[in-house]
C-alpha atoms as a PDB file:
ATOM      1  CA  MET A   1      56.608 231.889  70.478  1.00  0.00           C
ATOM      2  CA  PRO A   2      53.976 233.665  68.335  1.00  0.00           C
ATOM      3  CA  THR A   3      55.320 236.798  66.744  1.00  0.00           C
ATOM      4  CA  LEU A   4      53.413 239.922  65.674  1.00  0.00           C
ATOM      5  CA  PHE A   5      54.808 242.678  63.401  1.00  0.00           C
ATOM      6  CA  VAL A   6      53.438 246.245  63.861  1.00  0.00           C
ATOM      7  CA  VAL A   7      54.273 248.141  60.740  1.00  0.00           C
ATOM      8  CA  SER A   8      53.614 251.880  60.103  1.00  0.00           C
ATOM      9  CA  ASP A   9      54.746 254.736  57.954  1.00  0.00           C
ATOM     10  CA  GLY A  10      54.623 256.921  61.132  1.00  0.00           C
ATOM     11  CA  ARG A  11      55.699 256.055  64.646  1.00  0.00           C
ATOM     12  CA  GLY A  12      53.426 253.018  64.892  1.00  0.00           C
ATOM     13  CA  GLU A  13      51.814 253.939  68.162  1.00  0.00           C
ATOM     14  CA  THR A  14      48.207 253.798  66.777  1.00  0.00           C
ATOM     15  CA  CYS A  15      48.754 250.346  65.325  1.00  0.00           C
ATOM     16  CA  ALA A  16      50.474 249.167  68.498  1.00  0.00           C
ATOM     17  CA  GLN A  17      47.653 250.348  70.675  1.00  0.00           C
ATOM     18  CA  VAL A  18      45.044 248.506  68.543  1.00  0.00           C
ATOM     19  CA  VAL A  19      47.146 245.326  68.724  1.00  0.00           C
ATOM     20  CA  ARG A  20      47.495 245.629  72.492  1.00  0.00           C
ATOM     21  CA  ALA A  21      43.775 246.296  72.881  1.00  0.00           C
ATOM     22  CA  ALA A  22      43.095 243.079  71.038  1.00  0.00           C
ATOM     23  CA  LEU A  23      45.737 241.103  73.013  1.00  0.00           C
ATOM     24  CA  VAL A  24      44.020 241.985  76.296  1.00  0.00           C
ATOM     25  CA  GLN A  25      41.260 239.539  75.245  1.00  0.00           C
ATOM     26  CA  PHE A  26      43.939 236.779  75.048  1.00  0.00           C
ATOM     27  CA  GLU A  27      45.163 237.305  78.609  1.00  0.00           C
ATOM     28  CA  GLY A  28      48.171 235.154  79.488  1.00  0.00           C
ATOM     29  CA  GLN A  29      49.076 234.431  75.943  1.00  0.00           C
ATOM     30  CA  PRO A  30      52.770 235.149  75.403  1.00  0.00           C
ATOM     31  CA  CYS A  31      53.952 236.683  72.194  1.00  0.00           C
ATOM     32  CA  VAL A  32      56.671 238.851  70.736  1.00  0.00           C
ATOM     33  CA  ILE A  33      55.747 242.233  69.209  1.00  0.00           C
ATOM     34  CA  CYS A  34      58.170 243.645  66.657  1.00  0.00           C
ATOM     35  CA  GLN A  35      57.485 247.289  65.827  1.00  0.00           C
ATOM     36  CA  ARG A  36      58.726 248.768  62.547  1.00  0.00           C
ATOM     37  CA  GLY A  37      58.091 252.480  62.048  1.00  0.00           C
ATOM     38  CA  ASN A  38      58.753 254.981  59.234  1.00  0.00           C
ATOM     39  CA  VAL A  39      58.077 252.343  56.601  1.00  0.00           C
ATOM     40  CA  ARG A  40      57.595 254.771  53.612  1.00  0.00           C
ATOM     41  CA  THR A  41      59.000 253.016  50.578  1.00  0.00           C
ATOM     42  CA  ALA A  42      58.176 249.840  48.649  1.00  0.00           C
ATOM     43  CA  ARG A  43      61.702 248.614  49.188  1.00  0.00           C
ATOM     44  CA  ARG A  44      61.355 249.026  52.970  1.00  0.00           C
ATOM     45  CA  VAL A  45      58.026 247.178  52.875  1.00  0.00           C
ATOM     46  CA  GLU A  46      59.713 244.279  51.106  1.00  0.00           C
ATOM     47  CA  THR A  47      62.480 244.148  53.666  1.00  0.00           C
ATOM     48  CA  VAL A  48      60.008 244.144  56.607  1.00  0.00           C
ATOM     49  CA  MET A  49      57.875 241.542  55.055  1.00  0.00           C
ATOM     50  CA  LYS A  50      60.785 239.161  54.479  1.00  0.00           C
ATOM     51  CA  GLU A  51      61.572 239.542  58.223  1.00  0.00           C
ATOM     52  CA  ALA A  52      58.019 238.703  59.042  1.00  0.00           C
ATOM     53  CA  ARG A  53      58.018 235.700  56.765  1.00  0.00           C
ATOM     54  CA  ASP A  54      61.221 234.347  58.402  1.00  0.00           C
ATOM     55  CA  ALA A  55      59.663 234.896  61.823  1.00  0.00           C
ATOM     56  CA  ARG A  56      56.364 233.233  60.816  1.00  0.00           C
ATOM     57  CA  ALA A  57      54.600 236.413  62.003  1.00  0.00           C
ATOM     58  CA  VAL A  58      51.294 238.064  61.482  1.00  0.00           C
ATOM     59  CA  VAL A  59      51.670 241.688  60.290  1.00  0.00           C
ATOM     60  CA  PHE A  60      49.386 244.429  61.483  1.00  0.00           C
ATOM     61  CA  TYR A  61      49.957 247.618  59.541  1.00  0.00           C
ATOM     62  CA  THR A  62      48.834 251.268  59.252  1.00  0.00           C
ATOM     63  CA  LEU A  63      50.111 252.599  55.900  1.00  0.00           C
ATOM     64  CA  VAL A  64      48.481 255.610  54.275  1.00  0.00           C
ATOM     65  CA  GLY A  65      50.547 255.966  51.145  1.00  0.00           C
ATOM     66  CA  ASP A  66      49.170 254.289  48.004  1.00  0.00           C
ATOM     67  CA  ALA A  67      52.632 252.971  46.924  1.00  0.00           C
ATOM     68  CA  THR A  68      53.392 251.321  50.270  1.00  0.00           C
ATOM     69  CA  ARG A  69      49.853 249.962  50.668  1.00  0.00           C
ATOM     70  CA  ASP A  70      50.092 248.337  47.274  1.00  0.00           C
ATOM     71  CA  ALA A  71      53.610 247.028  48.078  1.00  0.00           C
ATOM     72  CA  MET A  72      52.302 245.520  51.253  1.00  0.00           C
ATOM     73  CA  ALA A  73      49.455 243.686  49.484  1.00  0.00           C
ATOM     74  CA  ARG A  74      51.754 242.325  46.762  1.00  0.00           C
ATOM     75  CA  ALA A  75      54.397 241.165  49.289  1.00  0.00           C
ATOM     76  CA  ALA A  76      51.751 239.539  51.488  1.00  0.00           C
ATOM     77  CA  ARG A  77      50.455 237.476  48.516  1.00  0.00           C
ATOM     78  CA  ARG A  78      53.897 236.549  47.169  1.00  0.00           C
ATOM     79  CA  LEU A  79      55.475 235.705  50.576  1.00  0.00           C
ATOM     80  CA  LEU A  80      52.300 234.188  52.079  1.00  0.00           C
ATOM     81  CA  VAL A  81      52.460 236.383  55.162  1.00  0.00           C
ATOM     82  CA  PRO A  82      49.072 237.054  56.867  1.00  0.00           C
ATOM     83  CA  VAL A  83      48.391 240.713  57.187  1.00  0.00           C
ATOM     84  CA  VAL A  84      45.796 242.927  58.873  1.00  0.00           C
ATOM     85  CA  ASP A  85      45.188 246.347  57.396  1.00  0.00           C
ATOM     86  CA  VAL A  86      44.162 248.320  60.456  1.00  0.00           C
ATOM     87  CA  LEU A  87      43.190 251.522  58.689  1.00  0.00           C
ATOM     88  CA  GLY A  88      41.798 250.095  55.458  1.00  0.00           C
ATOM     89  CA  PRO A  89      38.147 249.608  56.601  1.00  0.00           C
ATOM     90  CA  ALA A  90      38.099 253.076  58.154  1.00  0.00           C
ATOM     91  CA  PHE A  91      39.469 254.638  54.911  1.00  0.00           C
ATOM     92  CA  SER A  92      36.803 252.883  52.826  1.00  0.00           C
ATOM     93  CA  ALA A  93      33.924 253.944  55.133  1.00  0.00           C
ATOM     94  CA  LEU A  94      35.162 257.523  55.251  1.00  0.00           C
ATOM     95  CA  HIS A  95      35.698 257.642  51.485  1.00  0.00           C
ATOM     96  CA  ASP A  96      32.077 256.549  50.995  1.00  0.00           C
ATOM     97  CA  LEU A  97      30.828 259.133  53.509  1.00  0.00           C
ATOM     98  CA  PHE A  98      32.879 262.133  52.367  1.00  0.00           C
ATOM     99  CA  LYS A  99      33.097 261.237  48.656  1.00  0.00           C
ATOM    100  CA  ARG A 100      36.736 262.059  48.635  1.00  0.00           C
ATOM    101  CA  ALA A 101      40.026 260.230  48.894  1.00  0.00           C
ATOM    102  CA  PRO A 102      42.291 260.630  51.966  1.00  0.00           C
ATOM    103  CA  CYS A 103      45.389 262.817  51.490  1.00  0.00           C
ATOM    104  CA  ALA A 104      47.663 259.860  52.116  1.00  0.00           C
ATOM    105  CA  THR A 105      50.284 261.846  54.008  1.00  0.00           C
ATOM    106  CA  PRO A 106      52.332 259.792  56.608  1.00  0.00           C
ATOM    107  CA  GLY A 107      52.789 261.211  60.068  1.00  0.00           C
ATOM    108  CA  LEU A 108      49.809 263.536  60.225  1.00  0.00           C
ATOM    109  CA  LEU A 109      48.549 262.145  63.525  1.00  0.00           C
ATOM    110  CA  TYR A 110      51.917 262.595  65.210  1.00  0.00           C
ATOM    111  CA  ALA A 111      52.261 266.112  63.785  1.00  0.00           C
ATOM    112  CA  SER A 112      48.840 267.172  65.139  1.00  0.00           C
ATOM    113  CA  ASN A 113      49.499 265.633  68.554  1.00  0.00           C
ATOM    114  CA  ARG A 114      53.277 265.932  68.763  1.00  0.00           C
ATOM    115  CA  GLU A 115      53.287 267.596  72.243  1.00  0.00           C
ATOM    116  CA  HIS A 116      51.124 264.852  73.664  1.00  0.00           C
ATOM    117  CA  PHE A 117      53.092 262.022  72.100  1.00  0.00           C
ATOM    118  CA  ASP A 118      56.451 263.509  73.159  1.00  0.00           C
ATOM    119  CA  ARG A 119      55.202 263.882  76.747  1.00  0.00           C
ATOM    120  CA  GLN A 120      53.948 260.331  76.739  1.00  0.00           C
ATOM    121  CA  GLU A 121      57.142 258.898  75.450  1.00  0.00           C
ATOM    122  CA  ALA A 122      59.174 260.989  77.898  1.00  0.00           C
ATOM    123  CA  ILE A 123      57.094 259.770  80.864  1.00  0.00           C
ATOM    124  CA  GLU A 124      57.478 256.143  79.737  1.00  0.00           C
ATOM    125  CA  TYR A 125      61.185 256.500  79.379  1.00  0.00           C
ATOM    126  CA  THR A 126      61.642 258.232  82.742  1.00  0.00           C
ATOM    127  CA  LEU A 127      59.626 255.559  84.575  1.00  0.00           C
ATOM    128  CA  LYS A 128      61.802 252.963  82.992  1.00  0.00           C
ATOM    129  CA  HIS A 129      65.090 254.642  83.794  1.00  0.00           C
ATOM    130  CA  ASP A 130      64.499 255.833  87.318  1.00  0.00           C
ATOM    131  CA  ASP A 131      67.163 255.198  89.951  1.00  0.00           C
ATOM    132  CA  GLY A 132      69.831 253.789  87.623  1.00  0.00           C
ATOM    133  CA  GLN A 133      67.599 251.231  85.855  1.00  0.00           C
ATOM    134  CA  HIS A 134      68.501 250.034  82.357  1.00  0.00           C
ATOM    135  CA  PRO A 135      71.799 251.934  82.133  1.00  0.00           C
ATOM    136  CA  HIS A 136      72.528 250.527  78.632  1.00  0.00           C
ATOM    137  CA  GLU A 137      69.826 252.829  77.341  1.00  0.00           C
ATOM    138  CA  LEU A 138      71.145 256.067  78.874  1.00  0.00           C
ATOM    139  CA  ASP A 139      72.270 257.239  75.469  1.00  0.00           C
ATOM    140  CA  ALA A 140      68.625 257.769  74.536  1.00  0.00           C
ATOM    141  CA  ALA A 141      68.102 260.289  77.392  1.00  0.00           C
ATOM    142  CA  ASP A 142      67.837 264.005  76.767  1.00  0.00           C
ATOM    143  CA  VAL A 143      69.499 264.519  80.131  1.00  0.00           C
ATOM    144  CA  VAL A 144      70.806 262.286  82.978  1.00  0.00           C
ATOM    145  CA  LEU A 145      70.648 263.572  86.491  1.00  0.00           C
ATOM    146  CA  VAL A 146      73.168 262.240  89.084  1.00  0.00           C
ATOM    147  CA  GLY A 147      73.613 262.779  92.830  1.00  0.00           C
ATOM    148  CA  VAL A 148      73.466 261.112  96.140  1.00  0.00           C
ATOM    149  CA  SER A 149      70.259 259.820  97.730  1.00  0.00           C
ATOM    150  CA  ARG A 150      67.497 262.339  98.502  1.00  0.00           C
ATOM    151  CA  VAL A 151      68.585 265.264  96.358  1.00  0.00           C
ATOM    152  CA  SER A 152      65.311 265.238  94.321  1.00  0.00           C
ATOM    153  CA  LYS A 153      66.616 263.287  91.286  1.00  0.00           C
ATOM    154  CA  SER A 154      63.507 261.219  90.628  1.00  0.00           C
ATOM    155  CA  SER A 155      60.933 264.044  91.304  1.00  0.00           C
ATOM    156  CA  THR A 156      62.903 266.388  89.036  1.00  0.00           C
ATOM    157  CA  CYS A 157      62.991 263.778  86.288  1.00  0.00           C
ATOM    158  CA  PHE A 158      59.260 263.246  86.396  1.00  0.00           C
ATOM    159  CA  TYR A 159      58.666 267.003  86.319  1.00  0.00           C
ATOM    160  CA  LEU A 160      60.956 267.167  83.216  1.00  0.00           C
ATOM    161  CA  ALA A 161      59.138 264.209  81.588  1.00  0.00           C
ATOM    162  CA  TYR A 162      55.847 266.098  81.852  1.00  0.00           C
ATOM    163  CA  GLU A 163      57.592 268.822  79.794  1.00  0.00           C
ATOM    164  CA  GLY A 164      58.493 266.296  77.132  1.00  0.00           C
ATOM    165  CA  ILE A 165      62.069 265.789  78.274  1.00  0.00           C
ATOM    166  CA  LYS A 166      63.377 262.160  78.447  1.00  0.00           C
ATOM    167  CA  ALA A 167      65.228 262.308  81.777  1.00  0.00           C
ATOM    168  CA  ALA A 168      67.015 259.421  83.474  1.00  0.00           C
ATOM    169  CA  ASN A 169      68.745 259.525  86.875  1.00  0.00           C
ATOM    170  CA  VAL A 170      71.655 257.557  88.331  1.00  0.00           C
ATOM    171  CA  PRO A 171      72.343 257.540  92.124  1.00  0.00           C
ATOM    172  CA  LEU A 172      75.939 258.078  93.290  1.00  0.00           C
ATOM    173  CA  VAL A 173      76.374 255.510  96.029  1.00  0.00           C
ATOM    174  CA  PRO A 174      79.592 255.470  98.114  1.00  0.00           C
ATOM    175  CA  GLY A 175      81.705 252.466  97.233  1.00  0.00           C
ATOM    176  CA  VAL A 176      79.528 251.442  94.281  1.00  0.00           C
ATOM    177  CA  PRO A 177      81.005 252.131  90.817  1.00  0.00           C
ATOM    178  CA  HIS A 178      78.672 254.152  88.546  1.00  0.00           C
ATOM    179  CA  PRO A 179      77.663 252.360  85.337  1.00  0.00           C
ATOM    180  CA  PRO A 180      80.181 252.642  82.494  1.00  0.00           C
ATOM    181  CA  GLU A 181      77.408 253.785  80.150  1.00  0.00           C
ATOM    182  CA  LEU A 182      77.214 256.971  82.215  1.00  0.00           C
ATOM    183  CA  GLN A 183      80.864 257.778  81.652  1.00  0.00           C
ATOM    184  CA  GLN A 184      80.456 257.216  77.904  1.00  0.00           C
ATOM    185  CA  LEU A 185      78.003 260.044  77.629  1.00  0.00           C
ATOM    186  CA  LYS A 186      79.133 263.530  76.615  1.00  0.00           C
ATOM    187  CA  PRO A 187      79.656 265.543  79.836  1.00  0.00           C
ATOM    188  CA  GLU A 188      77.113 268.163  78.673  1.00  0.00           C
ATOM    189  CA  ARG A 189      74.325 265.542  78.807  1.00  0.00           C
ATOM    190  CA  VAL A 190      74.855 264.818  82.541  1.00  0.00           C
ATOM    191  CA  ILE A 191      73.833 267.246  85.286  1.00  0.00           C
ATOM    192  CA  GLY A 192      74.747 266.712  88.883  1.00  0.00           C
ATOM    193  CA  LEU A 193      72.457 267.762  91.812  1.00  0.00           C
ATOM    194  CA  ARG A 194      74.395 268.915  94.887  1.00  0.00           C
ATOM    195  CA  MET A 195      73.094 269.518  98.428  1.00  0.00           C
ATOM    196  CA  ASN A 196      74.915 270.716 101.481  1.00  0.00           C
ATOM    197  CA  VAL A 197      75.487 268.346 104.324  1.00  0.00           C
ATOM    198  CA  HIS A 198      73.110 269.901 106.885  1.00  0.00           C
ATOM    199  CA  ARG A 199      70.264 270.219 104.443  1.00  0.00           C
ATOM    200  CA  LEU A 200      70.705 266.620 103.182  1.00  0.00           C
ATOM    201  CA  MET A 201      70.771 265.260 106.721  1.00  0.00           C
ATOM    202  CA  THR A 202      67.532 267.178 107.425  1.00  0.00           C
ATOM    203  CA  VAL A 203      65.856 265.815 104.323  1.00  0.00           C
ATOM    204  CA  ARG A 204      66.918 262.183 105.110  1.00  0.00           C
ATOM    205  CA  GLU A 205      65.738 262.504 108.679  1.00  0.00           C
ATOM    206  CA  GLY A 206      62.420 263.822 107.506  1.00  0.00           C
ATOM    207  CA  ARG A 207      62.113 260.814 105.150  1.00  0.00           C
ATOM    208  CA  ALA A 208      62.872 258.465 108.073  1.00  0.00           C
ATOM    209  CA  GLY A 209      60.137 260.083 110.012  1.00  0.00           C
ATOM    210  CA  ASP A 210      57.607 259.618 107.153  1.00  0.00           C
ATOM    211  CA  LEU A 211      58.506 255.936 107.011  1.00  0.00           C
ATOM    212  CA  GLY A 212      58.405 255.584 110.802  1.00  0.00           C
ATOM    213  CA  ILE A 213      61.994 254.329 111.153  1.00  0.00           C
ATOM    214  CA  GLU A 214      64.751 255.412 113.477  1.00  0.00           C
ATOM    215  CA  PRO A 215      67.599 257.404 111.733  1.00  0.00           C
ATOM    216  CA  THR A 216      70.420 255.456 113.351  1.00  0.00           C
ATOM    217  CA  ASN A 217      72.769 254.226 110.629  1.00  0.00           C
ATOM    218  CA  ASP A 218      75.383 255.963 108.331  1.00  0.00           C
ATOM    219  CA  TYR A 219      72.669 257.024 105.951  1.00  0.00           C
ATOM    220  CA  PHE A 220      71.735 259.613 108.526  1.00  0.00           C
ATOM    221  CA  CYS A 221      75.177 260.259 110.111  1.00  0.00           C
ATOM    222  CA  GLU A 222      76.548 263.768 109.547  1.00  0.00           C
ATOM    223  CA  ARG A 223      80.044 262.566 109.138  1.00  0.00           C
ATOM    224  CA  ALA A 224      79.113 259.759 106.735  1.00  0.00           C
ATOM    225  CA  ILE A 225      76.916 262.196 104.743  1.00  0.00           C
ATOM    226  CA  ALA A 226      79.811 264.638 104.512  1.00  0.00           C
ATOM    227  CA  ARG A 227      82.093 261.841 103.083  1.00  0.00           C
ATOM    228  CA  GLU A 228      79.372 260.802 100.678  1.00  0.00           C
ATOM    229  CA  THR A 229      78.797 264.443  99.495  1.00  0.00           C
ATOM    230  CA  ILE A 230      82.543 265.068  99.008  1.00  0.00           C
ATOM    231  CA  GLU A 231      82.956 261.867  96.999  1.00  0.00           C
ATOM    232  CA  ALA A 232      79.971 262.727  94.786  1.00  0.00           C
ATOM    233  CA  ASN A 233      81.177 266.295  94.240  1.00  0.00           C
ATOM    234  CA  ARG A 234      84.635 265.099  93.280  1.00  0.00           C
ATOM    235  CA  LEU A 235      83.163 262.681  90.877  1.00  0.00           C
ATOM    236  CA  MET A 236      81.063 265.448  89.143  1.00  0.00           C
ATOM    237  CA  ASP A 237      84.177 267.652  88.876  1.00  0.00           C
ATOM    238  CA  ALA A 238      86.311 264.824  87.552  1.00  0.00           C
ATOM    239  CA  HIS A 239      83.977 264.057  84.700  1.00  0.00           C
ATOM    240  CA  GLY A 240      83.200 267.668  83.897  1.00  0.00           C
ATOM    241  CA  TRP A 241      79.542 267.318  84.691  1.00  0.00           C
ATOM    242  CA  ARG A 242      77.760 270.566  85.243  1.00  0.00           C
ATOM    243  CA  SER A 243      75.811 270.785  88.540  1.00  0.00           C
ATOM    244  CA  ILE A 244      73.160 272.661  90.452  1.00  0.00           C
ATOM    245  CA  ASP A 245      73.131 273.412  94.125  1.00  0.00           C
ATOM    246  CA  VAL A 246      69.579 272.245  95.059  1.00  0.00           C
ATOM    247  CA  SER A 247      69.876 272.646  98.852  1.00  0.00           C
ATOM    248  CA  TYR A 248      66.954 275.102  99.148  1.00  0.00           C
ATOM    249  CA  MET A 249      65.223 274.766  95.856  1.00  0.00           C
ATOM    250  CA  ALA A 250      61.740 273.418  95.040  1.00  0.00           C
ATOM    251  CA  VAL A 251      61.492 270.696  92.385  1.00  0.00           C
ATOM    252  CA  GLU A 252      60.028 273.066  89.832  1.00  0.00           C
ATOM    253  CA  GLU A 253      63.000 275.451  90.356  1.00  0.00           C
ATOM    254  CA  ILE A 254      65.460 272.572  89.896  1.00  0.00           C
ATOM    255  CA  ALA A 255      63.655 271.500  86.703  1.00  0.00           C
ATOM    256  CA  ARG A 256      63.757 275.093  85.405  1.00  0.00           C
ATOM    257  CA  ASP A 257      67.513 275.254  85.881  1.00  0.00           C
ATOM    258  CA  VAL A 258      67.985 271.831  84.241  1.00  0.00           C
ATOM    259  CA  LEU A 259      65.909 272.930  81.263  1.00  0.00           C
ATOM    260  CA  ALA A 260      67.969 276.099  80.999  1.00  0.00           C
ATOM    261  CA  LEU A 261      71.249 274.056  80.937  1.00  0.00           C
ATOM    262  CA  THR A 262      69.940 271.535  78.396  1.00  0.00           C
ATOM    263  CA  ALA A 263      68.597 274.343  76.163  1.00  0.00           C
ATOM    264  CA  ARG A 264      72.066 276.007  76.419  1.00  0.00           C
ATOM    265  CA  ARG A 265      73.692 272.662  75.319  1.00  0.00           C
ATOM    266  CA  ARG A 266      71.339 272.346  72.406  1.00  0.00           C
ATOM    267  CA  GLY A 267      72.008 275.912  71.377  1.00  0.00           C
ATOM    268  CA  HIS A 268      75.722 275.104  71.086  1.00  0.00           C
ATOM    269  CA  GLY A 269      75.046 272.116  68.908  1.00  0.00           C
ATOM    270  CA  GLY A 270      75.728 269.571  71.646  1.00  0.00           C
END
């Protein structure tokens, strides 16, 4: 399968977006995109270019440092790797217009738009890791929310993501083992959402009404909900996961308390 390398001395998002914009014009063409960020030395350029040569790839790059740009040009000629300098033409045109050289400082775009990029990355992560998806990537989360169904895990995670927090959530389902990756996390990184039985039953019945279904199975049964809640609470206690009683809290209030707990963890070097 054709392979593309996206190489940058920053995060590589600018270069990746340009490549994806071009790929749209080749709809249906499968390819592999390998992203390599923080490439800031000639040695690192050499390593990445050898990877690209072995993969028979085309390299798209956004390097601003003179040393790395020179290293890329030399490696491309020596290793016979086709390269596309995404920023080069823009640098040349702006140099001619402003009569001055660029400052050649990597990472300036990210530094000037850090809040936006952090929020975008958090939203993408949270979308990908909703409802227990991709548990092997839980270690990349800033916080993981756990709890039974309908305790506002997903909505709280998306609220947190908008604040730049990478939040994942894992449902605690009766009789279904939770993923081992969850247990491997430090307890401070997992926060449980608890809800009392009567409130949870009301929320679930309301959801059934929204969907136009009859609340007749164990999912809506008070006794079954009580067992489910007790099992989830015991699990939280057994693993030392901190928890919040969200029975009568709005999503923004839950998110506020989660943020307070994560800030406390970071303050203690966790």
